[in-house]
C-alpha atoms as a PDB file:
ATOM      1  CA  MET A   1       2.592   3.312   6.868  1.00  0.00           C
ATOM      2  CA  LEU A   2       3.116  -0.451   6.787  1.00  0.00           C
ATOM      3  CA  ASN A   3       0.584  -2.746   8.459  1.00  0.00           C
ATOM      4  CA  ILE A   4       1.880  -5.896  10.129  1.00  0.00           C
ATOM      5  CA  TYR A   5      -0.089  -9.155  10.387  1.00  0.00           C
ATOM      6  CA  ILE A   6       0.708 -12.299  12.363  1.00  0.00           C
ATOM      7  CA  CYS A   7      -1.052 -15.618  11.754  1.00  0.00           C
ATOM      8  CA  GLU A   8       0.104 -18.326  14.170  1.00  0.00           C
ATOM      9  CA  ASP A   9      -2.123 -20.991  15.752  1.00  0.00           C
ATOM     10  CA  ILE A  10       0.058 -21.651  18.823  1.00  0.00           C
ATOM     11  CA  GLU A  11      -0.588 -18.932  21.404  1.00  0.00           C
ATOM     12  CA  VAL A  12       2.869 -18.998  23.016  1.00  0.00           C
ATOM     13  CA  GLN A  13       4.571 -18.627  19.638  1.00  0.00           C
ATOM     14  CA  ARG A  14       2.087 -15.958  18.527  1.00  0.00           C
ATOM     15  CA  ASN A  15       2.685 -13.866  21.643  1.00  0.00           C
ATOM     16  CA  LYS A  16       6.444 -14.253  21.295  1.00  0.00           C
ATOM     17  CA  ILE A  17       6.498 -13.063  17.661  1.00  0.00           C
ATOM     18  CA  GLN A  18       4.187 -10.172  18.560  1.00  0.00           C
ATOM     19  CA  GLN A  19       6.475  -9.068  21.410  1.00  0.00           C
ATOM     20  CA  ILE A  20       9.564  -9.223  19.176  1.00  0.00           C
ATOM     21  CA  ILE A  21       7.871  -7.090  16.509  1.00  0.00           C
ATOM     22  CA  GLU A  22       6.525  -4.541  19.003  1.00  0.00           C
ATOM     23  CA  ASN A  23      10.034  -4.123  20.455  1.00  0.00           C
ATOM     24  CA  ILE A  24      11.543  -3.617  16.988  1.00  0.00           C
ATOM     25  CA  ILE A  25       8.949  -0.969  16.006  1.00  0.00           C
ATOM     26  CA  LEU A  26       9.556   0.876  19.276  1.00  0.00           C
ATOM     27  CA  MET A  27      13.335   0.555  19.180  1.00  0.00           C
ATOM     28  CA  GLU A  28      13.699   1.619  15.529  1.00  0.00           C
ATOM     29  CA  ASP A  29      10.852   4.196  15.722  1.00  0.00           C
ATOM     30  CA  LEU A  30       9.223   2.797  12.556  1.00  0.00           C
ATOM     31  CA  ASP A  31       6.053   4.032  10.868  1.00  0.00           C
ATOM     32  CA  MET A  32       4.340   0.641  11.268  1.00  0.00           C
ATOM     33  CA  LYS A  33       1.518  -0.851  13.290  1.00  0.00           C
ATOM     34  CA  LEU A  34       0.267  -4.318  14.199  1.00  0.00           C
ATOM     35  CA  SER A  35      -3.074  -4.471  12.397  1.00  0.00           C
ATOM     36  CA  CYS A  36      -4.137  -8.043  13.132  1.00  0.00           C
ATOM     37  CA  VAL A  37      -2.676 -10.828  15.285  1.00  0.00           C
ATOM     38  CA  SER A  38      -4.670 -14.047  15.138  1.00  0.00           C
ATOM     39  CA  GLU A  39      -4.687 -17.828  14.891  1.00  0.00           C
ATOM     40  CA  ASP A  40      -7.488 -17.543  12.337  1.00  0.00           C
ATOM     41  CA  PRO A  41      -6.319 -17.069   8.710  1.00  0.00           C
ATOM     42  CA  HIS A  42      -9.835 -16.013   7.666  1.00  0.00           C
ATOM     43  CA  ARG A  43      -9.700 -13.094  10.105  1.00  0.00           C
ATOM     44  CA  ILE A  44      -6.351 -11.999   8.671  1.00  0.00           C
ATOM     45  CA  LEU A  45      -7.732 -12.187   5.142  1.00  0.00           C
ATOM     46  CA  GLU A  46     -10.898 -10.241   5.961  1.00  0.00           C
ATOM     47  CA  THR A  47      -8.863  -7.494   7.641  1.00  0.00           C
ATOM     48  CA  VAL A  48      -6.612  -7.156   4.596  1.00  0.00           C
ATOM     49  CA  LYS A  49      -9.613  -6.953   2.258  1.00  0.00           C
ATOM     50  CA  GLN A  50     -10.736  -3.810   4.075  1.00  0.00           C
ATOM     51  CA  THR A  51      -7.514  -1.860   3.550  1.00  0.00           C
ATOM     52  CA  GLU A  52      -5.549  -0.708   0.522  1.00  0.00           C
ATOM     53  CA  GLU A  53      -2.280  -0.324   2.417  1.00  0.00           C
ATOM     54  CA  VAL A  54       0.787  -2.529   1.977  1.00  0.00           C
ATOM     55  CA  GLY A  55       1.376  -5.154   4.658  1.00  0.00           C
ATOM     56  CA  ILE A  56       4.071  -7.326   6.202  1.00  0.00           C
ATOM     57  CA  TYR A  57       2.810 -10.848   6.886  1.00  0.00           C
ATOM     58  CA  PHE A  58       4.344 -13.295   9.367  1.00  0.00           C
ATOM     59  CA  LEU A  59       2.644 -16.603   8.638  1.00  0.00           C
ATOM     60  CA  ASP A  60       2.934 -20.079  10.098  1.00  0.00           C
ATOM     61  CA  ILE A  61       2.457 -22.817   7.511  1.00  0.00           C
ATOM     62  CA  ALA A  62       0.505 -25.405   9.556  1.00  0.00           C
ATOM     63  CA  LEU A  63      -2.471 -23.461  10.926  1.00  0.00           C
ATOM     64  CA  GLY A  64      -4.821 -26.331  11.781  1.00  0.00           C
ATOM     65  CA  THR A  65      -7.636 -24.928   9.609  1.00  0.00           C
ATOM     66  CA  ASP A  66      -8.897 -25.311   6.057  1.00  0.00           C
ATOM     67  CA  LEU A  67      -6.313 -22.693   5.045  1.00  0.00           C
ATOM     68  CA  THR A  68      -2.588 -23.302   5.407  1.00  0.00           C
ATOM     69  CA  GLY A  69      -0.082 -20.481   5.554  1.00  0.00           C
ATOM     70  CA  LEU A  70       0.698 -21.167   1.907  1.00  0.00           C
ATOM     71  CA  THR A  71      -2.909 -20.950   0.722  1.00  0.00           C
ATOM     72  CA  LEU A  72      -3.456 -17.879   2.910  1.00  0.00           C
ATOM     73  CA  ALA A  73      -0.440 -16.223   1.304  1.00  0.00           C
ATOM     74  CA  LYS A  74      -1.808 -17.047  -2.149  1.00  0.00           C
ATOM     75  CA  GLU A  75      -5.116 -15.330  -1.247  1.00  0.00           C
ATOM     76  CA  LEU A  76      -3.323 -12.331   0.291  1.00  0.00           C
ATOM     77  CA  ARG A  77      -1.432 -11.777  -2.951  1.00  0.00           C
ATOM     78  CA  LYS A  78      -4.763 -11.048  -4.691  1.00  0.00           C
ATOM     79  CA  TYR A  79      -5.408  -8.080  -2.397  1.00  0.00           C
ATOM     80  CA  ASP A  80      -1.868  -6.960  -1.608  1.00  0.00           C
ATOM     81  CA  PRO A  81       0.468  -7.772  -4.515  1.00  0.00           C
ATOM     82  CA  ARG A  82       3.186  -5.525  -3.067  1.00  0.00           C
ATOM     83  CA  GLY A  83       3.034  -7.061   0.420  1.00  0.00           C
ATOM     84  CA  PHE A  84       5.983  -8.718   2.175  1.00  0.00           C
ATOM     85  CA  ILE A  85       5.377 -12.355   3.149  1.00  0.00           C
ATOM     86  CA  ILE A  86       7.546 -14.094   5.736  1.00  0.00           C
ATOM     87  CA  PHE A  87       6.949 -17.691   6.771  1.00  0.00           C
ATOM     88  CA  VAL A  88       7.800 -18.577  10.374  1.00  0.00           C
ATOM     89  CA  THR A  89       7.543 -22.338  10.860  1.00  0.00           C
ATOM     90  CA  THR A  90       9.062 -25.590  12.114  1.00  0.00           C
ATOM     91  CA  HIS A  91       8.478 -27.224   8.721  1.00  0.00           C
ATOM     92  CA  SER A  92      11.783 -26.624   6.921  1.00  0.00           C
ATOM     93  CA  GLU A  93      10.845 -29.224   4.312  1.00  0.00           C
ATOM     94  CA  MET A  94       8.056 -26.913   3.078  1.00  0.00           C
ATOM     95  CA  SER A  95      10.341 -24.089   1.951  1.00  0.00           C
ATOM     96  CA  TYR A  96      10.345 -25.305  -1.670  1.00  0.00           C
ATOM     97  CA  MET A  97       6.543 -24.931  -1.760  1.00  0.00           C
ATOM     98  CA  THR A  98       6.844 -21.149  -1.640  1.00  0.00           C
ATOM     99  CA  PHE A  99       8.394 -21.313  -5.107  1.00  0.00           C
ATOM    100  CA  ILE A 100       5.750 -23.721  -6.436  1.00  0.00           C
ATOM    101  CA  TYR A 101       3.025 -21.339  -5.227  1.00  0.00           C
ATOM    102  CA  LYS A 102       4.954 -18.364  -6.751  1.00  0.00           C
ATOM    103  CA  LEU A 103       4.566 -16.363  -3.533  1.00  0.00           C
ATOM    104  CA  GLU A 104       7.784 -14.320  -3.725  1.00  0.00           C
ATOM    105  CA  ALA A 105       8.344 -14.728   0.024  1.00  0.00           C
ATOM    106  CA  LEU A 106      10.761 -12.305   1.651  1.00  0.00           C
ATOM    107  CA  ASP A 107      12.092 -14.988   4.020  1.00  0.00           C
ATOM    108  CA  PHE A 108      11.512 -18.460   5.450  1.00  0.00           C
ATOM    109  CA  ILE A 109      12.362 -18.481   9.167  1.00  0.00           C
ATOM    110  CA  LEU A 110      12.603 -21.567  11.397  1.00  0.00           C
ATOM    111  CA  LYS A 111      11.346 -21.308  14.983  1.00  0.00           C
ATOM    112  CA  ASP A 112      13.923 -23.741  16.411  1.00  0.00           C
ATOM    113  CA  ASP A 113      16.516 -21.137  17.462  1.00  0.00           C
ATOM    114  CA  PRO A 114      15.025 -18.249  19.529  1.00  0.00           C
ATOM    115  CA  GLU A 115      17.997 -15.906  18.970  1.00  0.00           C
ATOM    116  CA  GLU A 116      18.033 -16.611  15.246  1.00  0.00           C
ATOM    117  CA  LEU A 117      14.261 -16.073  15.125  1.00  0.00           C
ATOM    118  CA  GLU A 118      14.499 -12.616  16.684  1.00  0.00           C
ATOM    119  CA  GLN A 119      17.416 -11.545  14.478  1.00  0.00           C
ATOM    120  CA  ARG A 120      15.746 -12.731  11.262  1.00  0.00           C
ATOM    121  CA  ILE A 121      12.462 -10.981  12.119  1.00  0.00           C
ATOM    122  CA  TYR A 122      14.439  -7.805  12.800  1.00  0.00           C
ATOM    123  CA  GLU A 123      16.225  -8.066   9.445  1.00  0.00           C
ATOM    124  CA  CYS A 124      12.955  -8.753   7.592  1.00  0.00           C
ATOM    125  CA  ILE A 125      11.210  -5.716   9.064  1.00  0.00           C
ATOM    126  CA  LEU A 126      14.086  -3.382   8.218  1.00  0.00           C
ATOM    127  CA  LYS A 127      14.399  -4.835   4.712  1.00  0.00           C
ATOM    128  CA  ALA A 128      10.651  -4.497   4.063  1.00  0.00           C
ATOM    129  CA  ASN A 129      10.688  -0.918   5.349  1.00  0.00           C
ATOM    130  CA  GLN A 130      13.626  -0.022   3.098  1.00  0.00           C
ATOM    131  CA  ARG A 131      12.063  -1.601  -0.001  1.00  0.00           C
ATOM    132  CA  PHE A 132       8.683  -0.010   0.677  1.00  0.00           C
ATOM    133  CA  ALA A 133      10.204   3.461   1.035  1.00  0.00           C
ATOM    134  CA  SER A 134      12.312   3.006  -2.110  1.00  0.00           C
ATOM    135  CA  VAL A 135       9.438   1.790  -4.308  1.00  0.00           C
ATOM    136  CA  ASN A 136       7.017   4.347  -2.866  1.00  0.00           C
ATOM    137  CA  ASN A 137       9.374   7.205  -3.671  1.00  0.00           C
ATOM    138  CA  LYS A 138       9.753   6.039  -7.267  1.00  0.00           C
ATOM    139  CA  ILE A 139       6.072   5.406  -7.961  1.00  0.00           C
ATOM    140  CA  HIS A 140       4.250   7.986  -5.890  1.00  0.00           C
ATOM    141  CA  ALA A 141       4.747  11.652  -5.097  1.00  0.00           C
ATOM    142  CA  ASN A 142       4.821  12.017  -1.342  1.00  0.00           C
ATOM    143  CA  PHE A 143       5.149  14.532   1.457  1.00  0.00           C
ATOM    144  CA  SER A 144       7.599  14.109   4.333  1.00  0.00           C
ATOM    145  CA  VAL A 145       6.702  15.549   7.717  1.00  0.00           C
ATOM    146  CA  LYS A 146       8.625  15.545  10.993  1.00  0.00           C
ATOM    147  CA  VAL A 147       6.595  14.991  14.165  1.00  0.00           C
ATOM    148  CA  ASN A 148       8.389  14.765  17.526  1.00  0.00           C
ATOM    149  CA  GLU A 149      11.717  13.803  15.920  1.00  0.00           C
ATOM    150  CA  LYS A 150      10.034  11.097  13.839  1.00  0.00           C
ATOM    151  CA  VAL A 151       9.788  11.479  10.043  1.00  0.00           C
ATOM    152  CA  PHE A 152       6.616  10.281   8.288  1.00  0.00           C
ATOM    153  CA  THR A 153       6.301   9.894   4.517  1.00  0.00           C
ATOM    154  CA  VAL A 154       2.730  10.318   3.280  1.00  0.00           C
ATOM    155  CA  ASP A 155       1.557   9.628  -0.259  1.00  0.00           C
ATOM    156  CA  TYR A 156      -0.104  12.683  -1.845  1.00  0.00           C
ATOM    157  CA  ASP A 157      -3.150  10.540  -2.561  1.00  0.00           C
ATOM    158  CA  GLU A 158      -3.569   9.945   1.182  1.00  0.00           C
ATOM    159  CA  ILE A 159      -3.657  13.692   1.931  1.00  0.00           C
ATOM    160  CA  LEU A 160      -7.024  15.458   2.099  1.00  0.00           C
ATOM    161  CA  PHE A 161      -5.872  18.947   3.091  1.00  0.00           C
ATOM    162  CA  PHE A 162      -3.496  21.072   5.146  1.00  0.00           C
ATOM    163  CA  GLU A 163      -4.864  23.466   7.754  1.00  0.00           C
ATOM    164  CA  THR A 164      -3.207  26.091   9.948  1.00  0.00           C
ATOM    165  CA  SER A 165      -3.320  25.007  13.591  1.00  0.00           C
ATOM    166  CA  PRO A 166      -4.533  27.107  16.541  1.00  0.00           C
ATOM    167  CA  ASN A 167      -1.049  26.419  17.907  1.00  0.00           C
ATOM    168  CA  VAL A 168       1.389  29.054  16.687  1.00  0.00           C
ATOM    169  CA  HIS A 169       3.599  28.171  13.682  1.00  0.00           C
ATOM    170  CA  LYS A 170       2.009  24.736  13.317  1.00  0.00           C
ATOM    171  CA  ILE A 171       0.096  22.967  10.520  1.00  0.00           C
ATOM    172  CA  ILE A 172      -2.409  20.142  10.784  1.00  0.00           C
ATOM    173  CA  LEU A 173      -2.081  17.506   8.055  1.00  0.00           C
ATOM    174  CA  HIS A 174      -5.431  15.797   7.432  1.00  0.00           C
ATOM    175  CA  CYS A 175      -5.085  12.347   5.827  1.00  0.00           C
ATOM    176  CA  LYS A 176      -7.649   9.676   5.012  1.00  0.00           C
ATOM    177  CA  HIS A 177      -6.940   7.725   8.184  1.00  0.00           C
ATOM    178  CA  ARG A 178      -5.076  10.054  10.543  1.00  0.00           C
ATOM    179  CA  GLN A 179      -4.063  13.613  11.442  1.00  0.00           C
ATOM    180  CA  MET A 180      -0.624  14.982  12.269  1.00  0.00           C
ATOM    181  CA  GLU A 181       0.467  18.363  13.590  1.00  0.00           C
ATOM    182  CA  PHE A 182       3.889  19.714  12.698  1.00  0.00           C
ATOM    183  CA  LEU A 183       5.892  22.928  12.485  1.00  0.00           C
ATOM    184  CA  GLY A 184       5.453  24.729   9.168  1.00  0.00           C
ATOM    185  CA  LYS A 185       3.785  27.373   7.049  1.00  0.00           C
ATOM    186  CA  ILE A 186       1.030  26.930   4.479  1.00  0.00           C
ATOM    187  CA  LYS A 187       2.833  29.137   1.945  1.00  0.00           C
ATOM    188  CA  ASP A 188       5.963  26.960   2.112  1.00  0.00           C
ATOM    189  CA  ILE A 189       3.953  23.747   1.688  1.00  0.00           C
ATOM    190  CA  GLU A 190       2.116  25.282  -1.278  1.00  0.00           C
ATOM    191  CA  LYS A 191       5.445  25.719  -3.069  1.00  0.00           C
ATOM    192  CA  GLU A 192       6.484  22.132  -2.341  1.00  0.00           C
ATOM    193  CA  VAL A 193       3.399  20.117  -3.386  1.00  0.00           C
ATOM    194  CA  ASP A 194       2.144  19.571  -6.950  1.00  0.00           C
ATOM    195  CA  GLU A 195      -0.756  20.973  -8.963  1.00  0.00           C
ATOM    196  CA  ARG A 196      -3.444  18.802  -7.375  1.00  0.00           C
ATOM    197  CA  PHE A 197      -3.262  21.013  -4.257  1.00  0.00           C
ATOM    198  CA  TYR A 198      -5.051  24.385  -4.233  1.00  0.00           C
ATOM    199  CA  ARG A 199      -4.762  27.274  -1.773  1.00  0.00           C
ATOM    200  CA  CYS A 200      -8.447  28.003  -1.245  1.00  0.00           C
ATOM    201  CA  HIS A 201      -8.014  30.147   1.872  1.00  0.00           C
ATOM    202  CA  ARG A 202      -5.157  31.630   3.864  1.00  0.00           C
ATOM    203  CA  SER A 203      -5.634  28.761   6.350  1.00  0.00           C
ATOM    204  CA  PHE A 204      -6.375  25.868   3.966  1.00  0.00           C
ATOM    205  CA  LEU A 205      -4.570  24.013   1.197  1.00  0.00           C
ATOM    206  CA  VAL A 206      -6.823  21.292  -0.273  1.00  0.00           C
ATOM    207  CA  ASN A 207      -6.233  18.253  -2.446  1.00  0.00           C
ATOM    208  CA  ARG A 208      -8.647  18.811  -5.343  1.00  0.00           C
ATOM    209  CA  ASP A 209      -8.804  15.076  -6.029  1.00  0.00           C
ATOM    210  CA  HIS A 210     -10.622  14.597  -2.713  1.00  0.00           C
ATOM    211  CA  ILE A 211     -13.224  17.365  -2.934  1.00  0.00           C
ATOM    212  CA  ARG A 212     -16.762  15.969  -2.767  1.00  0.00           C
ATOM    213  CA  GLU A 213     -18.757  19.185  -3.100  1.00  0.00           C
ATOM    214  CA  ILE A 214     -18.292  22.969  -3.178  1.00  0.00           C
ATOM    215  CA  ASP A 215     -20.824  25.428  -1.742  1.00  0.00           C
ATOM    216  CA  PHE A 216     -19.875  28.637  -3.551  1.00  0.00           C
ATOM    217  CA  GLN A 217     -22.622  30.639  -1.884  1.00  0.00           C
ATOM    218  CA  ASN A 218     -21.409  29.929   1.656  1.00  0.00           C
ATOM    219  CA  ARG A 219     -17.792  29.497   0.558  1.00  0.00           C
ATOM    220  CA  VAL A 220     -17.365  26.011   2.032  1.00  0.00           C
ATOM    221  CA  ILE A 221     -15.563  23.015   0.510  1.00  0.00           C
ATOM    222  CA  TYR A 222     -16.736  19.548   1.572  1.00  0.00           C
ATOM    223  CA  MET A 223     -14.102  16.847   1.391  1.00  0.00           C
ATOM    224  CA  VAL A 224     -14.813  13.159   0.654  1.00  0.00           C
ATOM    225  CA  ASN A 225     -14.663  12.261   4.370  1.00  0.00           C
ATOM    226  CA  GLY A 226     -17.151  15.003   5.341  1.00  0.00           C
ATOM    227  CA  ASP A 227     -14.587  17.520   6.642  1.00  0.00           C
ATOM    228  CA  GLU A 228     -15.184  21.172   5.761  1.00  0.00           C
ATOM    229  CA  CYS A 229     -12.620  23.678   4.503  1.00  0.00           C
ATOM    230  CA  LEU A 230     -13.147  27.418   4.179  1.00  0.00           C
ATOM    231  CA  MET A 231     -12.838  29.184   0.831  1.00  0.00           C
ATOM    232  CA  SER A 232     -12.118  32.876   0.414  1.00  0.00           C
ATOM    233  CA  SER A 233     -14.009  34.926  -2.171  1.00  0.00           C
ATOM    234  CA  ARG A 234     -10.681  35.909  -3.745  1.00  0.00           C
ATOM    235  CA  MET A 235      -9.718  32.249  -4.344  1.00  0.00           C
ATOM    236  CA  MET A 236     -13.149  31.145  -5.542  1.00  0.00           C
ATOM    237  CA  LYS A 237     -12.565  31.968  -9.216  1.00  0.00           C
ATOM    238  CA  GLY A 238      -9.385  29.917  -9.438  1.00  0.00           C
ATOM    239  CA  LEU A 239     -11.080  26.902  -7.908  1.00  0.00           C
ATOM    240  CA  LYS A 240     -13.998  27.145 -10.338  1.00  0.00           C
END
């Protein structure tokens, strides 16, 4: 998932950019969410510090605070080096500063033309989504799951475990920050994923990297987030 951030000190402009982005996410059915929309660059920065996920940043340059959009972008790069930075401003003369600050901005959009603004934001979001998916596929092993006609790509490192659902023929995917239910079979998933995943029970397939503790006596596996997975006596030896 890609997190989207907007930092704009003028409320009318901020609301307009937010509405454009929300419409694009809905229209294109993208695996993105607006994580923080604010006039305060410090709030944006603090929110980013608390997540390890890649972001898309729409930043005004003149923010009327001790941080400009340029200095905010420079700080954001420390915590999200892979993030996509887009400047949305009326200050066209500042575009050269993005090179001086070595910010590798995805785009520099002027607010003057409303139609151009909407089209450029649309193009930036699609471009960022395409680049993120491409790089993610090359660097990380991931699992693709289809939920209600929408395809999600989840990094293996984000997955805690798979569990058979009470709903017939369905699997629950437990991730660090969310759960998804989809059509599937544990045995088929077991063949698809890599060696970090272990079939500890007929109803559970766990990511061994995220096991916190194993109670062999009661045959319970405790995951790093506190969730519990069952373990069969037959599969206990292999897990040991």
